[in-house]
Amino acid sequence: MRRLLLLTLLLPLLGGCLFWGKGKEKKENSSSPEELYTTGEQALFNRKFGTAKERFKKLLEASPESEFSRTARLGLAEAYFRDGDYEEAAQAYKDYLDLHPLSPNSDYVQYKLGMCYYKLMLPPDRDQKYTQEAIKAFEKLIKIYPTSPWTIRGAQLLKECKEKLAQHDIYVGKFYYKVKEYKAARLRFQAAYDRVKEGESAAEALYWLGKTYQTLGKKKKAIECYQKVVKEYGMWGDVDKAEEALEDLQKNRKRRKRFLLF
């Protein structure tokens, strides 16, 4: 009897809880695009990236043509980026550019696309596919938006990306040189130098290019490489190696000339 009485008292309360839960779920599902965007924006500001992604996704699924869809798509990309999910962020930024190519934010989005790949770059001894994608993104930024303030920063990062790719070429070139694949090594060192043309990577690539030419018996080309290193990259840390190699080759040439005269 007591159990029956207790159950009779609890049923209305349980019913109320179930009704409240359904009401809350219904309210969330029926949120307007503006409400979804506002809560998503607030979550992004408060670094609640999971909630922000959820709100923006829900808005785009429920109201893809609403006036808030463009900013929600950018908000979704930003949430992925700030959460460190750079591959998803890159895809979201690309989707934004595909759907809104004339947006006033397109220069910023192109810059952030490059930043996604920049963040994903690996050390020079690893695969450089993300470095190559970053280069493409920053070069496109500079070409399409030359006067954008984001282009200045993009140009600096582009230089870093090319430097990393040059270091990768040097790394691979040294491997080819070590296994006596000198022609393949020469191509890698030349590619590295052509990418940067200045700085320590350029000096290192040019030195190894000279060394490879010397090994291949092309002493004139080797001397040209060493001379360029000494003349144009005097601040390079290993410039003394180029100076020594150049001095030895020039001495040998003088000895040969004397020998031919006699």
Foldseek 3Di string as FASTA:
>chain_A
DVVVVVVVVCVVVVVVVVVVVVVVVVCVLPDDLVRLQVQLVVCVVVLVLVSNLVSLVSSCVVPVPDPCNLVSLLSNLSSCVVVVVLVVSLVSLVVSCVVCVPDPCNLVSLLSNLVSLLSVADALQDDGPSLVVSLVSLVVSCVPPVPDPSNVVSVVVNLVSLQRPLSNLQVVLVVCVVVVVLVSSLVSLVSSLVSHVDDQSNLSSLQVNLVSCVVVVNNVSSLVSLVCSVPPVVVHPVNVVSVVVNVVSVVVVVVVVVVVVD
